[in-house]
Amino acid sequence: MPGSFLMLEQLLDSIKSVDGIVCYSLQQLPNDTTKREELFDRIIKADRSIHFAVEGLRVTDVASARRIGEIVGVQSVMPFCLSAQDLLGVVAQGSY
């Protein structure tokens, strides 16, 4: 079910019994910044890690959590940005 993090929550409840968590992609993280930060906080406080296979990234401390948060933030605004082709058209017209 999209937007459901039931399995992740259950895993976090027993985080001390695993070495860490592996996700396919950052896209599996909650979109809500507060929920995402709470997730990272629980993992860091348990002295565990969460890994993202596609991106080759991991969260192990506050700095890496902040970095992932910035990446997710950029990804969230990308759909509202001009495409490279549209941007070239604007520059070519000199209407910037």
PDB file of N, CA and C in Angstrom:
ATOM      1  N   MET A   1       0.847  -1.174   0.000  1.00  0.00           N
ATOM      2  CA  MET A   1       0.000   0.000   0.000  1.00  0.00           C
ATOM      3  C   MET A   1       0.896   1.242   0.000  1.00  0.00           C
ATOM      4  N   PRO A   2       0.753   2.108  -0.982  1.00  0.00           N
ATOM      5  CA  PRO A   2       1.567   3.320  -1.052  1.00  0.00           C
ATOM      6  C   PRO A   2       1.378   4.176   0.204  1.00  0.00           C
ATOM      7  N   GLY A   3       2.484   4.736   0.701  1.00  0.00           N
ATOM      8  CA  GLY A   3       2.407   5.600   1.864  1.00  0.00           C
ATOM      9  C   GLY A   3       2.341   4.855   3.187  1.00  0.00           C
ATOM     10  N   SER A   4       2.361   3.530   3.145  1.00  0.00           N
ATOM     11  CA  SER A   4       2.309   2.738   4.365  1.00  0.00           C
ATOM     12  C   SER A   4       3.718   2.308   4.761  1.00  0.00           C
ATOM     13  N   PHE A   5       4.025   2.512   6.007  1.00  0.00           N
ATOM     14  CA  PHE A   5       5.345   2.169   6.512  1.00  0.00           C
ATOM     15  C   PHE A   5       5.233   1.186   7.676  1.00  0.00           C
ATOM     16  N   LEU A   6       4.192   0.355   7.643  1.00  0.00           N
ATOM     17  CA  LEU A   6       3.924  -0.590   8.716  1.00  0.00           C
ATOM     18  C   LEU A   6       5.099  -1.534   8.947  1.00  0.00           C
ATOM     19  N   MET A   7       5.627  -2.123   7.884  1.00  0.00           N
ATOM     20  CA  MET A   7       6.741  -3.065   8.017  1.00  0.00           C
ATOM     21  C   MET A   7       7.995  -2.358   8.546  1.00  0.00           C
ATOM     22  N   LEU A   8       8.232  -1.154   8.067  1.00  0.00           N
ATOM     23  CA  LEU A   8       9.382  -0.392   8.536  1.00  0.00           C
ATOM     24  C   LEU A   8       9.229  -0.066  10.020  1.00  0.00           C
ATOM     25  N   GLU A   9       8.047   0.318  10.438  1.00  0.00           N
ATOM     26  CA  GLU A   9       7.790   0.607  11.847  1.00  0.00           C
ATOM     27  C   GLU A   9       8.011  -0.627  12.710  1.00  0.00           C
ATOM     28  N   GLN A  10       7.552  -1.776  12.233  1.00  0.00           N
ATOM     29  CA  GLN A  10       7.752  -3.018  12.979  1.00  0.00           C
ATOM     30  C   GLN A  10       9.236  -3.347  13.087  1.00  0.00           C
ATOM     31  N   LEU A  11       9.962  -3.113  12.029  1.00  0.00           N
ATOM     32  CA  LEU A  11      11.403  -3.353  12.047  1.00  0.00           C
ATOM     33  C   LEU A  11      12.102  -2.402  13.022  1.00  0.00           C
ATOM     34  N   LEU A  12      11.677  -1.155  13.030  1.00  0.00           N
ATOM     35  CA  LEU A  12      12.265  -0.183  13.950  1.00  0.00           C
ATOM     36  C   LEU A  12      11.992  -0.543  15.408  1.00  0.00           C
ATOM     37  N   ASP A  13      10.835  -1.153  15.664  1.00  0.00           N
ATOM     38  CA  ASP A  13      10.503  -1.564  17.029  1.00  0.00           C
ATOM     39  C   ASP A  13      11.461  -2.634  17.543  1.00  0.00           C
ATOM     40  N   SER A  14      12.067  -3.375  16.629  1.00  0.00           N
ATOM     41  CA  SER A  14      13.011  -4.420  17.037  1.00  0.00           C
ATOM     42  C   SER A  14      14.410  -4.158  16.468  1.00  0.00           C
ATOM     43  N   ILE A  15      14.755  -2.888  16.318  1.00  0.00           N
ATOM     44  CA  ILE A  15      16.001  -2.497  15.652  1.00  0.00           C
ATOM     45  C   ILE A  15      17.240  -3.052  16.355  1.00  0.00           C
ATOM     46  N   LYS A  16      17.196  -3.236  17.664  1.00  0.00           N
ATOM     47  CA  LYS A  16      18.362  -3.747  18.386  1.00  0.00           C
ATOM     48  C   LYS A  16      18.666  -5.201  18.032  1.00  0.00           C
ATOM     49  N   SER A  17      17.692  -5.913  17.449  1.00  0.00           N
ATOM     50  CA  SER A  17      17.903  -7.328  17.120  1.00  0.00           C
ATOM     51  C   SER A  17      18.472  -7.539  15.719  1.00  0.00           C
ATOM     52  N   VAL A  18      18.692  -6.430  14.975  1.00  0.00           N
ATOM     53  CA  VAL A  18      19.275  -6.524  13.631  1.00  0.00           C
ATOM     54  C   VAL A  18      20.500  -5.617  13.556  1.00  0.00           C
ATOM     55  N   ASP A  19      21.363  -5.879  12.606  1.00  0.00           N
ATOM     56  CA  ASP A  19      22.557  -5.043  12.439  1.00  0.00           C
ATOM     57  C   ASP A  19      22.245  -3.733  11.730  1.00  0.00           C
ATOM     58  N   GLY A  20      21.212  -3.728  10.917  1.00  0.00           N
ATOM     59  CA  GLY A  20      20.840  -2.536  10.169  1.00  0.00           C
ATOM     60  C   GLY A  20      19.687  -2.852   9.236  1.00  0.00           C
ATOM     61  N   ILE A  21      19.354  -1.877   8.408  1.00  0.00           N
ATOM     62  CA  ILE A  21      18.236  -1.996   7.468  1.00  0.00           C
ATOM     63  C   ILE A  21      18.765  -1.702   6.072  1.00  0.00           C
ATOM     64  N   VAL A  22      18.312  -2.478   5.098  1.00  0.00           N
ATOM     65  CA  VAL A  22      18.659  -2.226   3.706  1.00  0.00           C
ATOM     66  C   VAL A  22      17.373  -1.941   2.943  1.00  0.00           C
ATOM     67  N   CYS A  23      17.336  -0.807   2.267  1.00  0.00           N
ATOM     68  CA  CYS A  23      16.205  -0.427   1.423  1.00  0.00           C
ATOM     69  C   CYS A  23      16.661  -0.451  -0.029  1.00  0.00           C
ATOM     70  N   TYR A  24      15.739  -0.657  -0.897  1.00  0.00           N
ATOM     71  CA  TYR A  24      16.058  -0.628  -2.317  1.00  0.00           C
ATOM     72  C   TYR A  24      16.488   0.782  -2.729  1.00  0.00           C
ATOM     73  N   SER A  25      15.724   1.797  -2.304  1.00  0.00           N
ATOM     74  CA  SER A  25      15.973   3.155  -2.770  1.00  0.00           C
ATOM     75  C   SER A  25      15.524   4.182  -1.740  1.00  0.00           C
ATOM     76  N   LEU A  26      16.050   5.386  -1.873  1.00  0.00           N
ATOM     77  CA  LEU A  26      15.596   6.513  -1.066  1.00  0.00           C
ATOM     78  C   LEU A  26      14.110   6.778  -1.271  1.00  0.00           C
ATOM     79  N   GLN A  27      13.598   6.373  -2.421  1.00  0.00           N
ATOM     80  CA  GLN A  27      12.190   6.591  -2.737  1.00  0.00           C
ATOM     81  C   GLN A  27      11.262   5.858  -1.780  1.00  0.00           C
ATOM     82  N   GLN A  28      11.786   4.925  -1.004  1.00  0.00           N
ATOM     83  CA  GLN A  28      10.991   4.180  -0.042  1.00  0.00           C
ATOM     84  C   GLN A  28      10.840   4.915   1.289  1.00  0.00           C
ATOM     85  N   LEU A  29      11.532   6.017   1.446  1.00  0.00           N
ATOM     86  CA  LEU A  29      11.445   6.792   2.677  1.00  0.00           C
ATOM     87  C   LEU A  29      10.140   7.584   2.729  1.00  0.00           C
ATOM     88  N   PRO A  30       9.692   7.905   3.945  1.00  0.00           N
ATOM     89  CA  PRO A  30       8.508   8.774   4.053  1.00  0.00           C
ATOM     90  C   PRO A  30       8.781  10.132   3.411  1.00  0.00           C
ATOM     91  N   ASN A  31       7.791  10.683   2.745  1.00  0.00           N
ATOM     92  CA  ASN A  31       7.925  12.015   2.144  1.00  0.00           C
ATOM     93  C   ASN A  31       7.949  13.102   3.205  1.00  0.00           C
ATOM     94  N   ASP A  32       7.255  12.875   4.297  1.00  0.00           N
ATOM     95  CA  ASP A  32       7.163  13.837   5.380  1.00  0.00           C
ATOM     96  C   ASP A  32       8.532  13.980   6.073  1.00  0.00           C
ATOM     97  N   THR A  33       9.048  15.192   6.089  1.00  0.00           N
ATOM     98  CA  THR A  33      10.376  15.452   6.644  1.00  0.00           C
ATOM     99  C   THR A  33      10.463  15.036   8.114  1.00  0.00           C
ATOM    100  N   THR A  34       9.458  15.365   8.895  1.00  0.00           N
ATOM    101  CA  THR A  34       9.474  15.034  10.324  1.00  0.00           C
ATOM    102  C   THR A  34       9.518  13.532  10.536  1.00  0.00           C
ATOM    103  N   LYS A  35       8.715  12.796   9.797  1.00  0.00           N
ATOM    104  CA  LYS A  35       8.712  11.336   9.929  1.00  0.00           C
ATOM    105  C   LYS A  35      10.045  10.738   9.506  1.00  0.00           C
ATOM    106  N   ARG A  36      10.616  11.284   8.448  1.00  0.00           N
ATOM    107  CA  ARG A  36      11.909  10.801   7.965  1.00  0.00           C
ATOM    108  C   ARG A  36      13.007  11.070   9.000  1.00  0.00           C
ATOM    109  N   GLU A  37      12.987  12.260   9.599  1.00  0.00           N
ATOM    110  CA  GLU A  37      13.974  12.595  10.621  1.00  0.00           C
ATOM    111  C   GLU A  37      13.814  11.716  11.864  1.00  0.00           C
ATOM    112  N   GLU A  38      12.560  11.435  12.245  1.00  0.00           N
ATOM    113  CA  GLU A  38      12.302  10.552  13.392  1.00  0.00           C
ATOM    114  C   GLU A  38      12.829   9.146  13.116  1.00  0.00           C
ATOM    115  N   LEU A  39      12.646   8.678  11.893  1.00  0.00           N
ATOM    116  CA  LEU A  39      13.148   7.365  11.490  1.00  0.00           C
ATOM    117  C   LEU A  39      14.663   7.315  11.621  1.00  0.00           C
ATOM    118  N   PHE A  40      15.341   8.302  11.073  1.00  0.00           N
ATOM    119  CA  PHE A  40      16.798   8.359  11.155  1.00  0.00           C
ATOM    120  C   PHE A  40      17.266   8.468  12.604  1.00  0.00           C
ATOM    121  N   ASP A  41      16.567   9.265  13.387  1.00  0.00           N
ATOM    122  CA  ASP A  41      16.931   9.453  14.786  1.00  0.00           C
ATOM    123  C   ASP A  41      16.863   8.131  15.557  1.00  0.00           C
ATOM    124  N   ARG A  42      15.816   7.368  15.323  1.00  0.00           N
ATOM    125  CA  ARG A  42      15.678   6.074  16.000  1.00  0.00           C
ATOM    126  C   ARG A  42      16.803   5.124  15.608  1.00  0.00           C
ATOM    127  N   ILE A  43      17.169   5.143  14.352  1.00  0.00           N
ATOM    128  CA  ILE A  43      18.239   4.264  13.868  1.00  0.00           C
ATOM    129  C   ILE A  43      19.584   4.681  14.458  1.00  0.00           C
ATOM    130  N   ILE A  44      19.860   5.971  14.443  1.00  0.00           N
ATOM    131  CA  ILE A  44      21.136   6.478  14.963  1.00  0.00           C
ATOM    132  C   ILE A  44      21.245   6.227  16.471  1.00  0.00           C
ATOM    133  N   LYS A  45      20.168   6.491  17.202  1.00  0.00           N
ATOM    134  CA  LYS A  45      20.189   6.276  18.652  1.00  0.00           C
ATOM    135  C   LYS A  45      20.394   4.810  19.017  1.00  0.00           C
ATOM    136  N   ALA A  46      19.951   3.911  18.139  1.00  0.00           N
ATOM    137  CA  ALA A  46      20.137   2.476  18.374  1.00  0.00           C
ATOM    138  C   ALA A  46      21.518   2.017  17.927  1.00  0.00           C
ATOM    139  N   ASP A  47      22.320   2.944  17.439  1.00  0.00           N
ATOM    140  CA  ASP A  47      23.663   2.644  16.924  1.00  0.00           C
ATOM    141  C   ASP A  47      23.600   1.637  15.774  1.00  0.00           C
ATOM    142  N   ARG A  48      22.640   1.834  14.892  1.00  0.00           N
ATOM    143  CA  ARG A  48      22.460   0.994  13.717  1.00  0.00           C
ATOM    144  C   ARG A  48      22.556   1.863  12.478  1.00  0.00           C
ATOM    145  N   SER A  49      22.315   1.284  11.307  1.00  0.00           N
ATOM    146  CA  SER A  49      22.404   2.029  10.052  1.00  0.00           C
ATOM    147  C   SER A  49      21.277   1.610   9.122  1.00  0.00           C
ATOM    148  N   ILE A  50      21.018   2.475   8.155  1.00  0.00           N
ATOM    149  CA  ILE A  50      20.067   2.165   7.082  1.00  0.00           C
ATOM    150  C   ILE A  50      20.782   2.459   5.771  1.00  0.00           C
ATOM    151  N   HIS A  51      20.691   1.503   4.841  1.00  0.00           N
ATOM    152  CA  HIS A  51      21.402   1.581   3.565  1.00  0.00           C
ATOM    153  C   HIS A  51      20.404   1.664   2.417  1.00  0.00           C
ATOM    154  N   PHE A  52      20.788   2.351   1.356  1.00  0.00           N
ATOM    155  CA  PHE A  52      19.963   2.508   0.161  1.00  0.00           C
ATOM    156  C   PHE A  52      20.754   1.989  -1.028  1.00  0.00           C
ATOM    157  N   ALA A  53      20.329   0.839  -1.547  1.00  0.00           N
ATOM    158  CA  ALA A  53      21.101   0.097  -2.542  1.00  0.00           C
ATOM    159  C   ALA A  53      21.275   0.855  -3.861  1.00  0.00           C
ATOM    160  N   VAL A  54      20.215   1.383  -4.413  1.00  0.00           N
ATOM    161  CA  VAL A  54      20.294   2.033  -5.724  1.00  0.00           C
ATOM    162  C   VAL A  54      21.253   3.217  -5.699  1.00  0.00           C
ATOM    163  N   GLU A  55      21.144   4.027  -4.656  1.00  0.00           N
ATOM    164  CA  GLU A  55      21.959   5.236  -4.579  1.00  0.00           C
ATOM    165  C   GLU A  55      23.338   4.990  -3.952  1.00  0.00           C
ATOM    166  N   GLY A  56      23.527   3.839  -3.341  1.00  0.00           N
ATOM    167  CA  GLY A  56      24.797   3.546  -2.699  1.00  0.00           C
ATOM    168  C   GLY A  56      25.066   4.444  -1.501  1.00  0.00           C
ATOM    169  N   LEU A  57      24.021   4.813  -0.779  1.00  0.00           N
ATOM    170  CA  LEU A  57      24.143   5.708   0.368  1.00  0.00           C
ATOM    171  C   LEU A  57      23.718   5.003   1.643  1.00  0.00           C
ATOM    172  N   ARG A  58      24.123   5.582   2.787  1.00  0.00           N
ATOM    173  CA  ARG A  58      23.699   5.022   4.064  1.00  0.00           C
ATOM    174  C   ARG A  58      23.625   6.129   5.111  1.00  0.00           C
ATOM    175  N   VAL A  59      22.809   5.893   6.121  1.00  0.00           N
ATOM    176  CA  VAL A  59      22.717   6.790   7.261  1.00  0.00           C
ATOM    177  C   VAL A  59      23.277   6.053   8.465  1.00  0.00           C
ATOM    178  N   THR A  60      24.326   6.641   9.054  1.00  0.00           N
ATOM    179  CA  THR A  60      24.947   6.061  10.244  1.00  0.00           C
ATOM    180  C   THR A  60      25.085   7.088  11.360  1.00  0.00           C
ATOM    181  N   ASP A  61      24.935   8.374  11.013  1.00  0.00           N
ATOM    182  CA  ASP A  61      25.093   9.435  12.003  1.00  0.00           C
ATOM    183  C   ASP A  61      24.283  10.655  11.562  1.00  0.00           C
ATOM    184  N   VAL A  62      24.317  11.683  12.378  1.00  0.00           N
ATOM    185  CA  VAL A  62      23.523  12.887  12.101  1.00  0.00           C
ATOM    186  C   VAL A  62      23.930  13.538  10.779  1.00  0.00           C
ATOM    187  N   ALA A  63      25.216  13.588  10.496  1.00  0.00           N
ATOM    188  CA  ALA A  63      25.688  14.224   9.257  1.00  0.00           C
ATOM    189  C   ALA A  63      25.167  13.488   8.026  1.00  0.00           C
ATOM    190  N   SER A  64      25.221  12.168   8.041  1.00  0.00           N
ATOM    191  CA  SER A  64      24.732  11.415   6.878  1.00  0.00           C
ATOM    192  C   SER A  64      23.213  11.505   6.769  1.00  0.00           C
ATOM    193  N   ALA A  65      22.518  11.602   7.894  1.00  0.00           N
ATOM    194  CA  ALA A  65      21.057  11.784   7.865  1.00  0.00           C
ATOM    195  C   ALA A  65      20.710  13.134   7.244  1.00  0.00           C
ATOM    196  N   ARG A  66      21.466  14.163   7.599  1.00  0.00           N
ATOM    197  CA  ARG A  66      21.245  15.499   7.043  1.00  0.00           C
ATOM    198  C   ARG A  66      21.480  15.482   5.522  1.00  0.00           C
ATOM    199  N   ARG A  67      22.524  14.788   5.104  1.00  0.00           N
ATOM    200  CA  ARG A  67      22.845  14.702   3.671  1.00  0.00           C
ATOM    201  C   ARG A  67      21.709  14.020   2.901  1.00  0.00           C
ATOM    202  N   ILE A  68      21.212  12.918   3.439  1.00  0.00           N
ATOM    203  CA  ILE A  68      20.101  12.216   2.786  1.00  0.00           C
ATOM    204  C   ILE A  68      18.869  13.118   2.748  1.00  0.00           C
ATOM    205  N   GLY A  69      18.622  13.850   3.826  1.00  0.00           N
ATOM    206  CA  GLY A  69      17.492  14.783   3.855  1.00  0.00           C
ATOM    207  C   GLY A  69      17.596  15.832   2.765  1.00  0.00           C
ATOM    208  N   GLU A  70      18.791  16.327   2.532  1.00  0.00           N
ATOM    209  CA  GLU A  70      18.999  17.317   1.468  1.00  0.00           C
ATOM    210  C   GLU A  70      18.760  16.704   0.090  1.00  0.00           C
ATOM    211  N   ILE A  71      19.223  15.488  -0.103  1.00  0.00           N
ATOM    212  CA  ILE A  71      19.022  14.810  -1.393  1.00  0.00           C
ATOM    213  C   ILE A  71      17.535  14.592  -1.650  1.00  0.00           C
ATOM    214  N   VAL A  72      16.832  14.120  -0.639  1.00  0.00           N
ATOM    215  CA  VAL A  72      15.388  13.885  -0.791  1.00  0.00           C
ATOM    216  C   VAL A  72      14.676  15.211  -1.056  1.00  0.00           C
ATOM    217  N   GLY A  73      15.113  16.278  -0.402  1.00  0.00           N
ATOM    218  CA  GLY A  73      14.513  17.590  -0.634  1.00  0.00           C
ATOM    219  C   GLY A  73      14.685  18.060  -2.065  1.00  0.00           C
ATOM    220  N   VAL A  74      15.867  17.868  -2.612  1.00  0.00           N
ATOM    221  CA  VAL A  74      16.114  18.239  -4.009  1.00  0.00           C
ATOM    222  C   VAL A  74      15.251  17.390  -4.936  1.00  0.00           C
ATOM    223  N   GLN A  75      15.177  16.087  -4.657  1.00  0.00           N
ATOM    224  CA  GLN A  75      14.362  15.196  -5.486  1.00  0.00           C
ATOM    225  C   GLN A  75      12.894  15.627  -5.485  1.00  0.00           C
ATOM    226  N   SER A  76      12.421  16.155  -4.362  1.00  0.00           N
ATOM    227  CA  SER A  76      11.008  16.526  -4.268  1.00  0.00           C
ATOM    228  C   SER A  76      10.648  17.743  -5.120  1.00  0.00           C
ATOM    229  N   VAL A  77      11.629  18.610  -5.417  1.00  0.00           N
ATOM    230  CA  VAL A  77      11.337  19.792  -6.241  1.00  0.00           C
ATOM    231  C   VAL A  77      11.677  19.585  -7.712  1.00  0.00           C
ATOM    232  N   MET A  78      12.361  18.518  -8.038  1.00  0.00           N
ATOM    233  CA  MET A  78      12.765  18.277  -9.431  1.00  0.00           C
ATOM    234  C   MET A  78      11.588  18.271 -10.417  1.00  0.00           C
ATOM    235  N   PRO A  79      10.431  17.720 -10.067  1.00  0.00           N
ATOM    236  CA  PRO A  79       9.334  17.742 -11.033  1.00  0.00           C
ATOM    237  C   PRO A  79       8.875  19.151 -11.417  1.00  0.00           C
ATOM    238  N   PHE A  80       9.206  20.150 -10.608  1.00  0.00           N
ATOM    239  CA  PHE A  80       8.773  21.520 -10.872  1.00  0.00           C
ATOM    240  C   PHE A  80       9.836  22.340 -11.600  1.00  0.00           C
ATOM    241  N   CYS A  81      10.965  21.735 -11.900  1.00  0.00           N
ATOM    242  CA  CYS A  81      12.061  22.432 -12.571  1.00  0.00           C
ATOM    243  C   CYS A  81      11.931  22.329 -14.093  1.00  0.00           C
ATOM    244  N   LEU A  82      12.528  23.283 -14.772  1.00  0.00           N
ATOM    245  CA  LEU A  82      12.571  23.222 -16.232  1.00  0.00           C
ATOM    246  C   LEU A  82      13.419  22.037 -16.679  1.00  0.00           C
ATOM    247  N   SER A  83      13.012  21.419 -17.773  1.00  0.00           N
ATOM    248  CA  SER A  83      13.854  20.371 -18.345  1.00  0.00           C
ATOM    249  C   SER A  83      15.060  21.037 -19.001  1.00  0.00           C
ATOM    250  N   ALA A  84      16.078  20.264 -19.296  1.00  0.00           N
ATOM    251  CA  ALA A  84      17.274  20.801 -19.941  1.00  0.00           C
ATOM    252  C   ALA A  84      16.909  21.426 -21.286  1.00  0.00           C
ATOM    253  N   GLN A  85      16.011  20.785 -22.017  1.00  0.00           N
ATOM    254  CA  GLN A  85      15.606  21.302 -23.326  1.00  0.00           C
ATOM    255  C   GLN A  85      14.866  22.632 -23.180  1.00  0.00           C
ATOM    256  N   ASP A  86      13.960  22.723 -22.205  1.00  0.00           N
ATOM    257  CA  ASP A  86      13.237  23.974 -21.980  1.00  0.00           C
ATOM    258  C   ASP A  86      14.185  25.089 -21.546  1.00  0.00           C
ATOM    259  N   LEU A  87      15.135  24.751 -20.703  1.00  0.00           N
ATOM    260  CA  LEU A  87      16.102  25.734 -20.236  1.00  0.00           C
ATOM    261  C   LEU A  87      16.953  26.260 -21.388  1.00  0.00           C
ATOM    262  N   LEU A  88      17.362  25.368 -22.285  1.00  0.00           N
ATOM    263  CA  LEU A  88      18.134  25.800 -23.465  1.00  0.00           C
ATOM    264  C   LEU A  88      17.303  26.732 -24.341  1.00  0.00           C
ATOM    265  N   GLY A  89      16.005  26.462 -24.440  1.00  0.00           N
ATOM    266  CA  GLY A  89      15.127  27.324 -25.220  1.00  0.00           C
ATOM    267  C   GLY A  89      15.022  28.722 -24.619  1.00  0.00           C
ATOM    268  N   VAL A  90      14.923  28.793 -23.305  1.00  0.00           N
ATOM    269  CA  VAL A  90      14.858  30.083 -22.619  1.00  0.00           C
ATOM    270  C   VAL A  90      16.152  30.860 -22.840  1.00  0.00           C
ATOM    271  N   VAL A  91      17.277  30.194 -22.697  1.00  0.00           N
ATOM    272  CA  VAL A  91      18.571  30.849 -22.873  1.00  0.00           C
ATOM    273  C   VAL A  91      18.726  31.304 -24.332  1.00  0.00           C
ATOM    274  N   ALA A  92      18.323  30.479 -25.272  1.00  0.00           N
ATOM    275  CA  ALA A  92      18.448  30.820 -26.687  1.00  0.00           C
ATOM    276  C   ALA A  92      17.605  32.056 -27.042  1.00  0.00           C
ATOM    277  N   GLN A  93      16.455  32.175 -26.384  1.00  0.00           N
ATOM    278  CA  GLN A  93      15.583  33.324 -26.643  1.00  0.00           C
ATOM    279  C   GLN A  93      16.052  34.572 -25.920  1.00  0.00           C
ATOM    280  N   GLY A  94      16.920  34.383 -24.956  1.00  0.00           N
ATOM    281  CA  GLY A  94      17.401  35.532 -24.196  1.00  0.00           C
ATOM    282  C   GLY A  94      16.333  36.114 -23.293  1.00  0.00           C
ATOM    283  N   SER A  95      15.321  35.321 -22.947  1.00  0.00           N
ATOM    284  CA  SER A  95      14.207  35.837 -22.143  1.00  0.00           C
ATOM    285  C   SER A  95      14.324  35.399 -20.687  1.00  0.00           C
ATOM    286  N   TYR A  96      15.498  35.510 -20.140  1.00  0.00           N
ATOM    287  CA  TYR A  96      15.676  35.115 -18.737  1.00  0.00           C
ATOM    288  C   TYR A  96      15.947  36.277 -17.889  1.00  0.00           C
TER     289      TYR A  96
END
